[in-house]
């Protein structure tokens, strides 16, 4: 599963989730239902947290 931010055109999140059955956009969150019945909810991090992650990865250009 890959989530893209279309404004700066970058891959915002990527994770391996086996056997995705359904992707739902409900209540302001993205929900992923897998083949084994697990439900995952993706929650967007606040700006401060996102910047800290980019700085830790030495991706200063993206942070700017």
C-alpha atoms as a PDB file:
ATOM      1  CA  UNK A   1       0.000   0.000   0.000  1.00  0.00           C
ATOM      2  CA  UNK A   2       1.374   3.416  -0.939  1.00  0.00           C
ATOM      3  CA  UNK A   3      -0.174   6.776  -0.028  1.00  0.00           C
ATOM      4  CA  UNK A   4       0.839   9.780  -2.118  1.00  0.00           C
ATOM      5  CA  UNK A   5       0.636  13.469  -1.244  1.00  0.00           C
ATOM      6  CA  UNK A   6      -0.252  15.140  -4.529  1.00  0.00           C
ATOM      7  CA  UNK A   7       0.608  18.695  -3.484  1.00  0.00           C
ATOM      8  CA  UNK A   8       4.402  18.258  -3.221  1.00  0.00           C
ATOM      9  CA  UNK A   9       4.097  15.065  -5.349  1.00  0.00           C
ATOM     10  CA  UNK A  10       5.827  12.621  -3.033  1.00  0.00           C
ATOM     11  CA  UNK A  11       5.156   9.250  -1.520  1.00  0.00           C
ATOM     12  CA  UNK A  12       3.887  10.065   1.958  1.00  0.00           C
ATOM     13  CA  UNK A  13       3.589   6.531   3.336  1.00  0.00           C
ATOM     14  CA  UNK A  14       4.312   2.971   2.300  1.00  0.00           C
ATOM     15  CA  UNK A  15       3.633  -0.307   4.083  1.00  0.00           C
ATOM     16  CA  UNK A  16       3.303  -3.952   3.168  1.00  0.00           C
ATOM     17  CA  UNK A  17      -0.215  -5.142   3.983  1.00  0.00           C
ATOM     18  CA  UNK A  18      -1.043  -8.604   2.631  1.00  0.00           C
ATOM     19  CA  UNK A  19      -4.328  -9.370   0.877  1.00  0.00           C
ATOM     20  CA  UNK A  20      -6.065  -5.986   0.923  1.00  0.00           C
ATOM     21  CA  UNK A  21      -9.781  -6.553   0.421  1.00  0.00           C
ATOM     22  CA  UNK A  22     -11.131  -3.025   0.682  1.00  0.00           C
ATOM     23  CA  UNK A  23      -9.959   0.568   1.187  1.00  0.00           C
ATOM     24  CA  UNK A  24     -12.478   2.928   2.806  1.00  0.00           C
ATOM     25  CA  UNK A  25     -12.426   6.679   3.369  1.00  0.00           C
ATOM     26  CA  UNK A  26     -14.713   7.192   6.358  1.00  0.00           C
ATOM     27  CA  UNK A  27     -14.847   9.614   9.308  1.00  0.00           C
ATOM     28  CA  UNK A  28     -11.764  11.494   8.087  1.00  0.00           C
ATOM     29  CA  UNK A  29      -9.518   8.415   8.090  1.00  0.00           C
ATOM     30  CA  UNK A  30      -8.430   5.807   5.571  1.00  0.00           C
ATOM     31  CA  UNK A  31      -9.399   2.293   6.659  1.00  0.00           C
ATOM     32  CA  UNK A  32      -7.860  -0.865   5.161  1.00  0.00           C
ATOM     33  CA  UNK A  33      -9.675  -4.197   5.460  1.00  0.00           C
ATOM     34  CA  UNK A  34      -7.485  -7.265   4.906  1.00  0.00           C
ATOM     35  CA  UNK A  35      -8.406 -10.763   3.805  1.00  0.00           C
ATOM     36  CA  UNK A  36      -8.021 -12.145   7.330  1.00  0.00           C
ATOM     37  CA  UNK A  37     -10.545  -9.661   8.733  1.00  0.00           C
ATOM     38  CA  UNK A  38      -8.115  -7.141  10.242  1.00  0.00           C
ATOM     39  CA  UNK A  39      -9.070  -3.479   9.978  1.00  0.00           C
ATOM     40  CA  UNK A  40      -6.240  -0.916   9.880  1.00  0.00           C
ATOM     41  CA  UNK A  41      -6.765   2.832  10.241  1.00  0.00           C
ATOM     42  CA  UNK A  42      -4.267   5.331   8.829  1.00  0.00           C
ATOM     43  CA  UNK A  43      -4.026   8.560  10.814  1.00  0.00           C
ATOM     44  CA  UNK A  44      -2.242  11.606   9.406  1.00  0.00           C
ATOM     45  CA  UNK A  45       0.581  12.941  11.572  1.00  0.00           C
ATOM     46  CA  UNK A  46       0.697  16.616  12.485  1.00  0.00           C
ATOM     47  CA  UNK A  47       3.125  18.937  10.687  1.00  0.00           C
ATOM     48  CA  UNK A  48       5.668  18.981  13.538  1.00  0.00           C
ATOM     49  CA  UNK A  49       5.875  15.168  13.600  1.00  0.00           C
ATOM     50  CA  UNK A  50       6.242  14.965   9.814  1.00  0.00           C
ATOM     51  CA  UNK A  51       9.064  17.518   9.820  1.00  0.00           C
ATOM     52  CA  UNK A  52      10.892  15.647  12.587  1.00  0.00           C
ATOM     53  CA  UNK A  53      10.723  12.427  10.556  1.00  0.00           C
ATOM     54  CA  UNK A  54      12.146  14.166   7.478  1.00  0.00           C
ATOM     55  CA  UNK A  55      14.973  15.754   9.488  1.00  0.00           C
ATOM     56  CA  UNK A  56      15.891  12.383  11.046  1.00  0.00           C
ATOM     57  CA  UNK A  57      16.123  10.908   7.533  1.00  0.00           C
ATOM     58  CA  UNK A  58      18.319  13.848   6.421  1.00  0.00           C
ATOM     59  CA  UNK A  59      15.694  14.845   3.845  1.00  0.00           C
ATOM     60  CA  UNK A  60      16.079  18.556   4.426  1.00  0.00           C
ATOM     61  CA  UNK A  61      14.975  19.579   0.917  1.00  0.00           C
ATOM     62  CA  UNK A  62      11.599  17.883   1.381  1.00  0.00           C
ATOM     63  CA  UNK A  63      11.223  19.465   4.808  1.00  0.00           C
ATOM     64  CA  UNK A  64      11.717  22.931   3.346  1.00  0.00           C
END
